[in-house]
Amino acid sequence: MLPLVSPRSRRVGIAAGALVVLVVLLLSPSFGRAVPTNNYRPLITTDAIESGCYPLPGDAKLDGLAYQVRWDEDTETPAGERRHLYGQYDLVERDEAQRLLVAAFTKVGFEETGSRELTTNGVPTVDVALTKGQEQVTISVSELPDVDPDALVRGDFVLDLPVVARAKDDPVCGFPSSTKRWAEEGKKRREPDR
């Protein structure tokens, strides 16, 4: 059998333990903790269009449209090699997104030559064709199905453009996260599930 500890010794032990815990709590901020840097997220990469690495024809800018570029690639088509830029538009309905995209190209001299509505996989899409001399651009805009009215992302757009070479020697142009040219890194574009 263990010897019994006197009540006085027990109180002294509890008080000493409480004192040690209190000292550790008071001193803990001064050792073993990281210095706060307020840098908890990675830097936001440069916008794929605004960077100027692979500019749009005529240096068109998508002014007034909240968007994000998801993918930018050169692809082989029946008409030859073309550039396809895939993005998503935010905060506006499909018709307004289409108007802003078309306006970006008409501001730099393109003329609208036709449009058509079609449904792909149950999703209504509008294709608008524009030309400037020998350059041709097609804009496809579709809204996401069953979008909540409070949703940020409202739909997708695809720009079918002439192929363009890298325009700048800026180091940012070598980062796929900035240019969205993932295919150059060997990554395959994932088609949306619809």
Protein backbone atom coordinates (compact mmCIF):
# COMPACT_ATOMS: atom_id res chain seq x y z
CA MET A 1 0.00 0.00 0.00
CA LEU A 2 1.14 3.51 -0.86
CA PRO A 3 1.82 5.80 2.00
CA LEU A 4 -0.80 8.45 2.41
CA VAL A 5 0.18 12.03 1.64
CA SER A 6 -0.70 14.50 4.29
CA PRO A 7 -3.35 17.09 3.44
CA ARG A 8 -0.81 19.89 3.90
CA SER A 9 1.62 18.31 1.40
CA ARG A 10 -1.20 17.76 -1.05
CA ARG A 11 -2.18 21.47 -0.89
CA VAL A 12 1.42 22.54 -1.34
CA GLY A 13 1.76 20.18 -4.36
CA ILE A 14 -1.42 21.49 -5.97
CA ALA A 15 -0.32 25.10 -5.38
CA ALA A 16 3.16 24.39 -6.83
CA GLY A 17 1.60 22.70 -9.89
CA ALA A 18 -0.77 25.62 -10.44
CA LEU A 19 2.16 28.04 -10.12
CA VAL A 20 4.19 26.10 -12.73
CA VAL A 21 1.23 26.08 -15.17
CA LEU A 22 0.73 29.82 -14.65
CA VAL A 23 4.44 30.57 -15.27
CA VAL A 24 4.44 28.43 -18.46
CA LEU A 25 1.32 30.21 -19.74
CA LEU A 26 2.79 33.64 -19.04
CA LEU A 27 6.14 32.84 -20.66
CA SER A 28 4.91 30.78 -23.64
CA PRO A 29 4.56 33.75 -26.04
CA SER A 30 8.27 34.46 -25.69
CA PHE A 31 9.55 31.08 -26.87
CA GLY A 32 8.68 28.49 -29.45
CA ARG A 33 6.18 30.55 -31.42
CA ALA A 34 6.39 31.87 -34.96
CA VAL A 35 6.59 35.58 -35.52
CA PRO A 36 3.37 36.71 -37.24
CA THR A 37 4.04 37.95 -40.80
CA ASN A 38 0.44 38.48 -41.91
CA ASN A 39 1.41 36.65 -45.11
CA TYR A 40 -0.85 33.64 -44.98
CA ARG A 41 -1.91 33.39 -48.63
CA PRO A 42 0.14 33.12 -51.79
CA LEU A 43 0.43 36.18 -53.97
CA ILE A 44 -2.33 36.56 -56.53
CA THR A 45 -0.90 35.93 -59.96
CA THR A 46 -0.99 38.43 -62.79
CA ASP A 47 -4.14 38.46 -64.92
CA ALA A 48 -3.56 36.38 -68.07
CA ILE A 49 -4.82 39.11 -70.39
CA GLU A 50 -3.62 42.22 -68.56
CA SER A 51 -0.06 40.87 -68.32
CA GLY A 52 0.43 41.43 -72.06
CA CYS A 53 2.36 38.17 -72.39
CA TYR A 54 -0.12 36.79 -74.94
CA PRO A 55 -2.25 39.82 -75.90
CA LEU A 56 -5.66 39.71 -77.49
CA PRO A 57 -5.89 40.82 -81.14
CA GLY A 58 -5.60 44.60 -81.45
CA ASP A 59 -4.60 44.68 -77.77
CA ALA A 60 -8.29 44.42 -76.85
CA LYS A 61 -9.07 44.79 -73.14
CA LEU A 62 -12.06 43.27 -71.37
CA ASP A 63 -13.01 46.52 -69.65
CA GLY A 64 -16.08 46.47 -67.44
CA LEU A 65 -16.32 42.68 -67.30
CA ALA A 66 -15.40 40.82 -64.14
CA TYR A 67 -13.82 37.57 -65.32
CA GLN A 68 -11.15 34.99 -64.75
CA VAL A 69 -9.18 33.18 -67.43
CA ARG A 70 -9.14 29.42 -66.82
CA TRP A 71 -7.13 28.19 -69.80
CA ASP A 72 -5.31 29.62 -72.83
CA GLU A 73 -4.03 27.22 -75.48
CA ASP A 74 -3.12 26.90 -79.14
CA THR A 75 -5.03 24.06 -80.73
CA GLU A 76 -5.30 22.45 -84.15
CA THR A 77 -8.65 23.03 -85.88
CA PRO A 78 -9.95 22.23 -89.39
CA ALA A 79 -9.15 25.88 -90.27
CA GLY A 80 -5.55 25.54 -89.01
CA GLU A 81 -4.00 26.37 -85.68
CA ARG A 82 -6.09 28.69 -83.49
CA ARG A 83 -5.85 30.08 -79.99
CA HIS A 84 -8.66 29.21 -77.60
CA LEU A 85 -8.98 31.25 -74.43
CA TYR A 86 -11.46 29.80 -71.90
CA GLY A 87 -12.82 31.99 -69.12
CA GLN A 88 -15.67 32.62 -66.73
CA TYR A 89 -17.60 35.84 -66.29
CA ASP A 90 -18.94 37.13 -63.00
CA LEU A 91 -21.85 39.18 -61.66
CA VAL A 92 -23.70 39.80 -64.95
CA GLU A 93 -26.14 37.87 -67.11
CA ARG A 94 -25.14 36.22 -70.37
CA ASP A 95 -26.42 39.01 -72.63
CA GLU A 96 -24.43 41.65 -70.75
CA ALA A 97 -21.28 39.50 -70.75
CA GLN A 98 -21.70 39.01 -74.50
CA ARG A 99 -22.16 42.76 -75.05
CA LEU A 100 -19.00 43.60 -73.07
CA LEU A 101 -16.92 40.94 -74.84
CA VAL A 102 -18.06 42.12 -78.29
CA ALA A 103 -17.45 45.77 -77.29
CA ALA A 104 -13.85 44.93 -76.31
CA PHE A 105 -13.12 43.88 -79.89
CA THR A 106 -15.20 46.52 -81.69
CA LYS A 107 -13.26 49.19 -79.76
CA VAL A 108 -10.09 48.02 -81.51
CA GLY A 109 -11.57 47.91 -85.01
CA PHE A 110 -13.31 44.55 -85.32
CA GLU A 111 -16.74 44.41 -86.94
CA GLU A 112 -19.49 41.98 -86.00
CA THR A 113 -20.22 39.73 -88.99
CA GLY A 114 -22.82 37.40 -87.54
CA SER A 115 -24.16 35.56 -84.55
CA ARG A 116 -26.08 32.39 -83.81
CA GLU A 117 -27.69 30.73 -80.82
CA LEU A 118 -27.23 27.04 -80.21
CA THR A 119 -27.64 24.57 -77.42
CA THR A 120 -24.75 22.33 -76.40
CA ASN A 121 -25.42 19.62 -73.83
CA GLY A 122 -28.61 21.45 -72.84
CA VAL A 123 -26.81 24.76 -72.26
CA PRO A 124 -27.84 27.73 -74.46
CA THR A 125 -24.82 29.39 -76.07
CA VAL A 126 -24.40 32.46 -78.28
CA ASP A 127 -21.58 32.58 -80.85
CA VAL A 128 -20.61 35.98 -82.26
CA ALA A 129 -18.19 36.26 -85.20
CA LEU A 130 -16.05 39.37 -85.71
CA THR A 131 -13.48 40.28 -88.36
CA LYS A 132 -10.83 42.92 -88.92
CA GLY A 133 -9.08 42.52 -92.26
CA GLN A 134 -7.88 38.91 -92.35
CA GLU A 135 -8.20 38.42 -88.57
CA GLN A 136 -11.21 36.51 -87.31
CA VAL A 137 -12.46 36.22 -83.75
CA THR A 138 -15.38 34.15 -82.47
CA ILE A 139 -16.86 34.73 -79.02
CA SER A 140 -18.97 31.96 -77.43
CA VAL A 141 -20.88 32.85 -74.29
CA SER A 142 -23.00 30.51 -72.19
CA GLU A 143 -24.56 30.83 -68.77
CA LEU A 144 -24.13 28.23 -66.09
CA PRO A 145 -27.31 26.20 -65.56
CA ASP A 146 -29.27 26.62 -62.33
CA VAL A 147 -27.10 29.46 -60.98
CA ASP A 148 -28.06 30.87 -57.61
CA PRO A 149 -28.93 34.61 -57.90
CA ASP A 150 -26.20 35.40 -55.36
CA ALA A 151 -23.50 33.41 -57.20
CA LEU A 152 -20.35 35.23 -58.25
CA VAL A 153 -19.59 33.16 -61.36
CA ARG A 154 -22.49 33.31 -63.83
CA GLY A 155 -21.17 31.67 -66.98
CA ASP A 156 -18.42 30.65 -69.37
CA PHE A 157 -16.90 32.25 -72.45
CA VAL A 158 -14.54 30.98 -75.11
CA LEU A 159 -12.56 33.27 -77.40
CA ASP A 160 -11.46 31.66 -80.67
CA LEU A 161 -8.52 33.84 -81.72
CA PRO A 162 -5.58 33.89 -84.10
CA VAL A 163 -2.44 32.33 -82.62
CA VAL A 164 -0.08 34.87 -81.09
CA ALA A 165 3.56 34.52 -80.04
CA ARG A 166 4.74 35.49 -76.59
CA ALA A 167 4.97 39.28 -76.73
CA LYS A 168 7.19 40.01 -73.72
CA ASP A 169 10.32 38.60 -72.17
CA ASP A 170 9.03 39.32 -68.67
CA PRO A 171 9.69 36.45 -66.19
CA VAL A 172 5.97 36.43 -65.28
CA CYS A 173 5.28 35.18 -68.83
CA GLY A 174 7.00 31.91 -67.94
CA PHE A 175 4.54 31.06 -65.17
CA PRO A 176 1.48 29.03 -66.29
CA SER A 177 -0.39 30.36 -63.26
CA SER A 178 -0.09 33.84 -64.80
CA THR A 179 -0.56 33.02 -68.49
CA LYS A 180 -3.00 30.09 -68.03
CA ARG A 181 -1.09 28.28 -70.77
CA TRP A 182 -1.23 24.99 -68.88
CA ALA A 183 -0.83 22.79 -71.98
CA GLU A 184 2.78 23.95 -72.25
CA GLU A 185 3.31 22.32 -68.85
CA GLY A 186 1.82 19.05 -70.09
CA LYS A 187 -1.52 19.45 -68.29
CA LYS A 188 -4.72 18.47 -70.06
CA ARG A 189 -7.70 20.76 -69.97
CA ARG A 190 -10.63 19.26 -68.14
CA GLU A 191 -13.99 19.69 -69.86
CA PRO A 192 -16.76 20.99 -67.60
CA ASP A 193 -19.29 18.43 -66.43
CA ARG A 194 -22.68 19.36 -67.82
